[in-house]
Amino acid sequence: MSLADQVSAALEKEIVLGELAPGLHLDEGSLAARFGTSRTPVREALTRLAASGLVELRPRRGAAVAEIDEAVMAQRFEALAGLEGLCAYYAAERMTDIQRRALRDAHRRCRGPAESGDVDRYDAADMIFHRLLMEGCRNDILIEQTIAVRRLVKPWRRLQLVGAGRIEASWAEHEAIVAAVIEGDAAAAERLTRTHVDHQSRAADKLLGAAARPD
């Protein structure tokens, strides 16, 4: 993990969990000192967070924590459910035998992190799984749009995995998706994938709700 990755992941978690309040100025120098790095990785991390809507880059005023709009987040997950569902539908129809084996192997590699509860390793393996599922649809426009929306929900999609039992549930949902794709059941693959993303959305919403409640 690069320095920019480390800074981005730490700030991402603090913003989503409400530890950094909306409107808070994010000073590059202070952040560089905090993370023991130069300003360059910090600047890259802030640019990434701005792309996902967690940070606002203000001309001549620097970066600040953005206001999290829960309605917008829900719309993003809703769009993602539809897009990933379509990817799964076409993947079940169009995947080659080699692609199906790669998807099954990627799913199996998620098992270890799921059993150990290792969020970082599971998230990395999960990204590979979903990328292979997307590529299986063999529709470049659909893949491009799905990646764009996944980028917008990335902070919440990752952090919802910390919820009790969420990683194990995610793996089980993948298991059902893989079975449907391998069997060529496009309708089931779409339905199961949409449900999978819906569960991510609910888990993320629950996480935000817990963070918003006072101790």
C-alpha atoms as a PDB file:
ATOM      1  CA  MET A   1       0.000   0.000   0.000  1.00  0.00           C
ATOM      2  CA  SER A   2       1.469   3.364  -1.061  1.00  0.00           C
ATOM      3  CA  LEU A   3       1.674   6.396   1.223  1.00  0.00           C
ATOM      4  CA  ALA A   4      -1.193   8.004  -0.679  1.00  0.00           C
ATOM      5  CA  ASP A   5      -3.236   4.814  -0.174  1.00  0.00           C
ATOM      6  CA  GLN A   6      -2.538   4.874   3.568  1.00  0.00           C
ATOM      7  CA  VAL A   7      -3.461   8.538   3.966  1.00  0.00           C
ATOM      8  CA  SER A   8      -6.569   8.137   1.818  1.00  0.00           C
ATOM      9  CA  ALA A   9      -7.765   5.050   3.725  1.00  0.00           C
ATOM     10  CA  ALA A  10      -7.272   6.701   7.132  1.00  0.00           C
ATOM     11  CA  LEU A  11      -9.048   9.937   6.190  1.00  0.00           C
ATOM     12  CA  GLU A  12     -11.771   8.036   4.355  1.00  0.00           C
ATOM     13  CA  LYS A  13     -12.623   6.077   7.483  1.00  0.00           C
ATOM     14  CA  GLU A  14     -12.568   9.130   9.748  1.00  0.00           C
ATOM     15  CA  ILE A  15     -14.824  11.134   7.426  1.00  0.00           C
ATOM     16  CA  VAL A  16     -17.376   8.370   6.868  1.00  0.00           C
ATOM     17  CA  LEU A  17     -17.542   7.587  10.598  1.00  0.00           C
ATOM     18  CA  GLY A  18     -18.005  11.265  11.439  1.00  0.00           C
ATOM     19  CA  GLU A  19     -14.703  11.662  13.259  1.00  0.00           C
ATOM     20  CA  LEU A  20     -13.851  14.576  10.961  1.00  0.00           C
ATOM     21  CA  ALA A  21     -16.738  17.033  10.853  1.00  0.00           C
ATOM     22  CA  PRO A  22     -18.145  18.486   7.610  1.00  0.00           C
ATOM     23  CA  GLY A  23     -16.493  21.799   6.757  1.00  0.00           C
ATOM     24  CA  LEU A  24     -13.294  20.978   8.646  1.00  0.00           C
ATOM     25  CA  HIS A  25     -10.272  22.412   6.839  1.00  0.00           C
ATOM     26  CA  LEU A  26      -7.763  19.757   5.813  1.00  0.00           C
ATOM     27  CA  ASP A  27      -4.345  21.371   5.882  1.00  0.00           C
ATOM     28  CA  GLU A  28      -1.782  19.575   3.730  1.00  0.00           C
ATOM     29  CA  GLY A  29       1.119  20.501   5.982  1.00  0.00           C
ATOM     30  CA  SER A  30      -0.578  19.315   9.149  1.00  0.00           C
ATOM     31  CA  LEU A  31      -1.659  16.072   7.521  1.00  0.00           C
ATOM     32  CA  ALA A  32       1.828  15.478   6.148  1.00  0.00           C
ATOM     33  CA  ALA A  33       3.248  15.886   9.664  1.00  0.00           C
ATOM     34  CA  ARG A  34       0.604  13.613  11.141  1.00  0.00           C
ATOM     35  CA  PHE A  35       1.306  10.807   8.685  1.00  0.00           C
ATOM     36  CA  GLY A  36       5.049  11.381   8.573  1.00  0.00           C
ATOM     37  CA  THR A  37       5.192  12.015   4.858  1.00  0.00           C
ATOM     38  CA  SER A  38       5.623  14.823   2.351  1.00  0.00           C
ATOM     39  CA  ARG A  39       2.758  16.899   0.972  1.00  0.00           C
ATOM     40  CA  THR A  40       2.683  14.976  -2.325  1.00  0.00           C
ATOM     41  CA  PRO A  41       0.987  11.772  -1.028  1.00  0.00           C
ATOM     42  CA  VAL A  42      -1.377  13.933   1.027  1.00  0.00           C
ATOM     43  CA  ARG A  43      -2.328  15.974  -2.033  1.00  0.00           C
ATOM     44  CA  GLU A  44      -2.919  12.788  -4.028  1.00  0.00           C
ATOM     45  CA  ALA A  45      -5.061  11.340  -1.228  1.00  0.00           C
ATOM     46  CA  LEU A  46      -7.193  14.490  -1.033  1.00  0.00           C
ATOM     47  CA  THR A  47      -7.711  14.420  -4.793  1.00  0.00           C
ATOM     48  CA  ARG A  48      -8.931  10.821  -4.564  1.00  0.00           C
ATOM     49  CA  LEU A  49     -11.283  11.663  -1.714  1.00  0.00           C
ATOM     50  CA  ALA A  50     -12.649  14.607  -3.679  1.00  0.00           C
ATOM     51  CA  ALA A  51     -13.433  12.250  -6.571  1.00  0.00           C
ATOM     52  CA  SER A  52     -15.611  10.141  -4.244  1.00  0.00           C
ATOM     53  CA  GLY A  53     -17.311  13.213  -2.764  1.00  0.00           C
ATOM     54  CA  LEU A  54     -15.791  13.018   0.712  1.00  0.00           C
ATOM     55  CA  VAL A  55     -13.620  16.105   0.319  1.00  0.00           C
ATOM     56  CA  GLU A  56     -14.293  19.465  -1.298  1.00  0.00           C
ATOM     57  CA  LEU A  57     -11.358  21.118  -3.065  1.00  0.00           C
ATOM     58  CA  ARG A  58     -11.901  24.880  -2.838  1.00  0.00           C
ATOM     59  CA  PRO A  59      -9.927  27.265  -5.075  1.00  0.00           C
ATOM     60  CA  ARG A  60      -7.423  29.307  -3.040  1.00  0.00           C
ATOM     61  CA  ARG A  61      -8.894  27.959   0.213  1.00  0.00           C
ATOM     62  CA  GLY A  62      -7.646  24.381   0.168  1.00  0.00           C
ATOM     63  CA  ALA A  63      -9.501  21.188   1.006  1.00  0.00           C
ATOM     64  CA  ALA A  64     -12.336  20.649   3.469  1.00  0.00           C
ATOM     65  CA  VAL A  65     -14.448  17.723   4.613  1.00  0.00           C
ATOM     66  CA  ALA A  66     -17.588  17.563   2.487  1.00  0.00           C
ATOM     67  CA  GLU A  67     -21.103  17.146   3.817  1.00  0.00           C
ATOM     68  CA  ILE A  68     -22.244  13.548   3.390  1.00  0.00           C
ATOM     69  CA  ASP A  69     -25.623  13.496   1.671  1.00  0.00           C
ATOM     70  CA  GLU A  70     -27.243  10.202   2.631  1.00  0.00           C
ATOM     71  CA  ALA A  71     -29.865  10.560  -0.105  1.00  0.00           C
ATOM     72  CA  VAL A  72     -27.156  10.903  -2.734  1.00  0.00           C
ATOM     73  CA  MET A  73     -25.319   7.908  -1.297  1.00  0.00           C
ATOM     74  CA  ALA A  74     -28.515   5.850  -1.523  1.00  0.00           C
ATOM     75  CA  GLN A  75     -28.954   6.885  -5.155  1.00  0.00           C
ATOM     76  CA  ARG A  76     -25.397   5.836  -5.955  1.00  0.00           C
ATOM     77  CA  PHE A  77     -25.907   2.399  -4.435  1.00  0.00           C
ATOM     78  CA  GLU A  78     -29.208   2.077  -6.274  1.00  0.00           C
ATOM     79  CA  ALA A  79     -27.470   2.869  -9.570  1.00  0.00           C
ATOM     80  CA  LEU A  80     -24.665   0.452  -8.743  1.00  0.00           C
ATOM     81  CA  ALA A  81     -27.133  -2.343  -7.989  1.00  0.00           C
ATOM     82  CA  GLY A  82     -28.667  -1.922 -11.421  1.00  0.00           C
ATOM     83  CA  LEU A  83     -25.356  -1.708 -13.252  1.00  0.00           C
ATOM     84  CA  GLU A  84     -23.669  -4.611 -11.469  1.00  0.00           C
ATOM     85  CA  GLY A  85     -26.826  -6.642 -11.851  1.00  0.00           C
ATOM     86  CA  LEU A  86     -26.691  -6.137 -15.626  1.00  0.00           C
ATOM     87  CA  CYS A  87     -23.010  -7.076 -15.646  1.00  0.00           C
ATOM     88  CA  ALA A  88     -23.823 -10.320 -13.858  1.00  0.00           C
ATOM     89  CA  TYR A  89     -26.739 -11.021 -16.192  1.00  0.00           C
ATOM     90  CA  TYR A  90     -24.594 -10.753 -19.314  1.00  0.00           C
ATOM     91  CA  ALA A  91     -21.637 -12.462 -17.631  1.00  0.00           C
ATOM     92  CA  ALA A  92     -23.801 -15.534 -17.049  1.00  0.00           C
ATOM     93  CA  GLU A  93     -24.610 -15.561 -20.765  1.00  0.00           C
ATOM     94  CA  ARG A  94     -21.259 -14.560 -22.222  1.00  0.00           C
ATOM     95  CA  MET A  95     -18.384 -15.633 -19.975  1.00  0.00           C
ATOM     96  CA  THR A  96     -15.915 -18.074 -21.497  1.00  0.00           C
ATOM     97  CA  ASP A  97     -14.943 -21.205 -19.596  1.00  0.00           C
ATOM     98  CA  ILE A  98     -11.616 -19.568 -18.745  1.00  0.00           C
ATOM     99  CA  GLN A  99     -13.386 -16.505 -17.323  1.00  0.00           C
ATOM    100  CA  ARG A 100     -15.738 -18.667 -15.274  1.00  0.00           C
ATOM    101  CA  ARG A 101     -12.803 -20.549 -13.758  1.00  0.00           C
ATOM    102  CA  ALA A 102     -11.044 -17.249 -12.985  1.00  0.00           C
ATOM    103  CA  LEU A 103     -14.179 -15.933 -11.251  1.00  0.00           C
ATOM    104  CA  ARG A 104     -14.491 -19.124  -9.191  1.00  0.00           C
ATOM    105  CA  ASP A 105     -10.806 -18.971  -8.230  1.00  0.00           C
ATOM    106  CA  ALA A 106     -11.105 -15.294  -7.242  1.00  0.00           C
ATOM    107  CA  HIS A 107     -14.060 -16.186  -5.047  1.00  0.00           C
ATOM    108  CA  ARG A 108     -12.077 -18.962  -3.382  1.00  0.00           C
ATOM    109  CA  ARG A 109      -9.270 -16.517  -2.608  1.00  0.00           C
ATOM    110  CA  CYS A 110     -11.771 -14.438  -0.656  1.00  0.00           C
ATOM    111  CA  ARG A 111     -12.397 -17.352   1.710  1.00  0.00           C
ATOM    112  CA  GLY A 112      -9.300 -16.984   3.896  1.00  0.00           C
ATOM    113  CA  PRO A 113      -9.761 -13.240   4.601  1.00  0.00           C
ATOM    114  CA  ALA A 114     -13.475 -13.840   5.180  1.00  0.00           C
ATOM    115  CA  GLU A 115     -12.798 -16.512   7.793  1.00  0.00           C
ATOM    116  CA  SER A 116     -10.129 -14.428   9.550  1.00  0.00           C
ATOM    117  CA  GLY A 117     -12.142 -11.207   9.372  1.00  0.00           C
ATOM    118  CA  ASP A 118      -9.288  -9.377   7.654  1.00  0.00           C
ATOM    119  CA  VAL A 119     -11.068  -6.379   6.119  1.00  0.00           C
ATOM    120  CA  ASP A 120      -8.078  -5.117   4.125  1.00  0.00           C
ATOM    121  CA  ARG A 121      -7.310  -8.487   2.524  1.00  0.00           C
ATOM    122  CA  TYR A 122     -10.956  -9.256   1.901  1.00  0.00           C
ATOM    123  CA  ASP A 123     -11.540  -5.868   0.314  1.00  0.00           C
ATOM    124  CA  ALA A 124      -8.580  -6.367  -2.035  1.00  0.00           C
ATOM    125  CA  ALA A 125      -9.759  -9.853  -3.021  1.00  0.00           C
ATOM    126  CA  ASP A 126     -13.343  -8.631  -3.335  1.00  0.00           C
ATOM    127  CA  MET A 127     -12.284  -5.940  -5.802  1.00  0.00           C
ATOM    128  CA  ILE A 128     -10.692  -8.584  -8.027  1.00  0.00           C
ATOM    129  CA  PHE A 129     -13.839 -10.725  -7.838  1.00  0.00           C
ATOM    130  CA  HIS A 130     -16.120  -7.876  -8.864  1.00  0.00           C
ATOM    131  CA  ARG A 131     -13.770  -6.754 -11.623  1.00  0.00           C
ATOM    132  CA  LEU A 132     -13.818 -10.236 -13.143  1.00  0.00           C
ATOM    133  CA  LEU A 133     -17.613 -10.318 -12.885  1.00  0.00           C
ATOM    134  CA  MET A 134     -17.816  -6.972 -14.683  1.00  0.00           C
ATOM    135  CA  GLU A 135     -15.390  -7.999 -17.409  1.00  0.00           C
ATOM    136  CA  GLY A 136     -17.443 -11.120 -17.989  1.00  0.00           C
ATOM    137  CA  CYS A 137     -20.316  -9.068 -19.387  1.00  0.00           C
ATOM    138  CA  ARG A 138     -18.098  -8.216 -22.367  1.00  0.00           C
ATOM    139  CA  ASN A 139     -19.691  -4.796 -22.813  1.00  0.00           C
ATOM    140  CA  ASP A 140     -17.124  -1.991 -22.576  1.00  0.00           C
ATOM    141  CA  ILE A 141     -19.696   0.786 -22.052  1.00  0.00           C
ATOM    142  CA  LEU A 142     -21.388  -1.089 -19.210  1.00  0.00           C
ATOM    143  CA  ILE A 143     -18.031  -1.851 -17.588  1.00  0.00           C
ATOM    144  CA  GLU A 144     -16.955   1.795 -17.817  1.00  0.00           C
ATOM    145  CA  GLN A 145     -20.148   3.091 -16.230  1.00  0.00           C
ATOM    146  CA  THR A 146     -20.088   0.468 -13.482  1.00  0.00           C
ATOM    147  CA  ILE A 147     -16.499   1.309 -12.561  1.00  0.00           C
ATOM    148  CA  ALA A 148     -17.392   5.011 -12.395  1.00  0.00           C
ATOM    149  CA  VAL A 149     -20.243   4.422  -9.940  1.00  0.00           C
ATOM    150  CA  ARG A 150     -18.231   1.901  -7.896  1.00  0.00           C
ATOM    151  CA  ARG A 151     -15.617   4.616  -7.451  1.00  0.00           C
ATOM    152  CA  LEU A 152     -18.265   6.920  -5.974  1.00  0.00           C
ATOM    153  CA  VAL A 153     -19.391   4.388  -3.357  1.00  0.00           C
ATOM    154  CA  LYS A 154     -15.939   2.953  -2.629  1.00  0.00           C
ATOM    155  CA  PRO A 155     -15.561   4.488   0.873  1.00  0.00           C
ATOM    156  CA  TRP A 156     -18.890   3.100   2.088  1.00  0.00           C
ATOM    157  CA  ARG A 157     -18.583  -0.196   0.235  1.00  0.00           C
ATOM    158  CA  ARG A 158     -15.283  -0.827   1.980  1.00  0.00           C
ATOM    159  CA  LEU A 159     -16.211   0.358   5.450  1.00  0.00           C
ATOM    160  CA  GLN A 160     -19.519  -1.505   5.583  1.00  0.00           C
ATOM    161  CA  LEU A 161     -17.394  -4.644   5.829  1.00  0.00           C
ATOM    162  CA  VAL A 162     -16.527  -3.789   9.445  1.00  0.00           C
ATOM    163  CA  GLY A 163     -20.121  -4.500  10.499  1.00  0.00           C
ATOM    164  CA  ALA A 164     -20.664  -7.642  12.564  1.00  0.00           C
ATOM    165  CA  GLY A 165     -20.918 -10.679  10.290  1.00  0.00           C
ATOM    166  CA  ARG A 166     -20.806  -8.589   7.127  1.00  0.00           C
ATOM    167  CA  ILE A 167     -17.703 -10.186   5.590  1.00  0.00           C
ATOM    168  CA  GLU A 168     -19.065 -13.705   6.087  1.00  0.00           C
ATOM    169  CA  ALA A 169     -22.411 -12.651   4.597  1.00  0.00           C
ATOM    170  CA  SER A 170     -20.664 -11.011   1.643  1.00  0.00           C
ATOM    171  CA  TRP A 171     -18.734 -14.213   0.915  1.00  0.00           C
ATOM    172  CA  ALA A 172     -21.912 -16.275   1.031  1.00  0.00           C
ATOM    173  CA  GLU A 173     -23.585 -13.849  -1.367  1.00  0.00           C
ATOM    174  CA  HIS A 174     -20.626 -14.213  -3.738  1.00  0.00           C
ATOM    175  CA  GLU A 175     -20.981 -17.996  -3.512  1.00  0.00           C
ATOM    176  CA  ALA A 176     -24.550 -17.803  -4.783  1.00  0.00           C
ATOM    177  CA  ILE A 177     -23.601 -15.362  -7.558  1.00  0.00           C
ATOM    178  CA  VAL A 178     -20.777 -17.610  -8.771  1.00  0.00           C
ATOM    179  CA  ALA A 179     -23.086 -20.626  -8.863  1.00  0.00           C
ATOM    180  CA  ALA A 180     -25.653 -18.742 -10.938  1.00  0.00           C
ATOM    181  CA  VAL A 181     -23.034 -17.453 -13.370  1.00  0.00           C
ATOM    182  CA  ILE A 182     -21.418 -20.868 -13.834  1.00  0.00           C
ATOM    183  CA  GLU A 183     -24.827 -22.449 -14.398  1.00  0.00           C
ATOM    184  CA  GLY A 184     -25.626 -19.763 -16.981  1.00  0.00           C
ATOM    185  CA  ASP A 185     -28.700 -18.589 -15.051  1.00  0.00           C
ATOM    186  CA  ALA A 186     -28.655 -14.931 -16.092  1.00  0.00           C
ATOM    187  CA  ALA A 187     -31.840 -13.923 -14.263  1.00  0.00           C
ATOM    188  CA  ALA A 188     -30.632 -15.393 -10.976  1.00  0.00           C
ATOM    189  CA  ALA A 189     -27.161 -13.870 -11.398  1.00  0.00           C
ATOM    190  CA  GLU A 190     -28.702 -10.428 -11.874  1.00  0.00           C
ATOM    191  CA  ARG A 191     -31.109 -10.790  -8.953  1.00  0.00           C
ATOM    192  CA  LEU A 192     -28.453 -12.082  -6.564  1.00  0.00           C
ATOM    193  CA  THR A 193     -25.987  -9.357  -7.519  1.00  0.00           C
ATOM    194  CA  ARG A 194     -28.568  -6.602  -7.077  1.00  0.00           C
ATOM    195  CA  THR A 195     -29.412  -8.047  -3.652  1.00  0.00           C
ATOM    196  CA  HIS A 196     -25.719  -8.173  -2.775  1.00  0.00           C
ATOM    197  CA  VAL A 197     -25.312  -4.460  -3.521  1.00  0.00           C
ATOM    198  CA  ASP A 198     -28.553  -3.664  -1.672  1.00  0.00           C
ATOM    199  CA  HIS A 199     -27.126  -5.399   1.400  1.00  0.00           C
ATOM    200  CA  GLN A 200     -23.983  -3.265   1.095  1.00  0.00           C
ATOM    201  CA  SER A 201     -26.139  -0.144   0.966  1.00  0.00           C
ATOM    202  CA  ARG A 202     -28.112  -1.124   4.078  1.00  0.00           C
ATOM    203  CA  ALA A 203     -24.933  -2.001   5.972  1.00  0.00           C
ATOM    204  CA  ALA A 204     -23.381   1.337   5.022  1.00  0.00           C
ATOM    205  CA  ASP A 205     -26.528   3.190   6.075  1.00  0.00           C
ATOM    206  CA  LYS A 206     -26.483   1.378   9.416  1.00  0.00           C
ATOM    207  CA  LEU A 207     -22.838   2.341   9.864  1.00  0.00           C
ATOM    208  CA  LEU A 208     -23.601   6.010   9.200  1.00  0.00           C
ATOM    209  CA  GLY A 209     -26.545   5.899  11.580  1.00  0.00           C
ATOM    210  CA  ALA A 210     -24.402   4.491  14.356  1.00  0.00           C
ATOM    211  CA  ALA A 211     -21.733   7.123  13.759  1.00  0.00           C
ATOM    212  CA  ALA A 212     -24.314   9.906  13.932  1.00  0.00           C
ATOM    213  CA  ARG A 213     -25.697   8.812  17.308  1.00  0.00           C
ATOM    214  CA  PRO A 214     -24.126  10.543  20.299  1.00  0.00           C
ATOM    215  CA  ASP A 215     -22.305   8.363  22.854  1.00  0.00           C
END
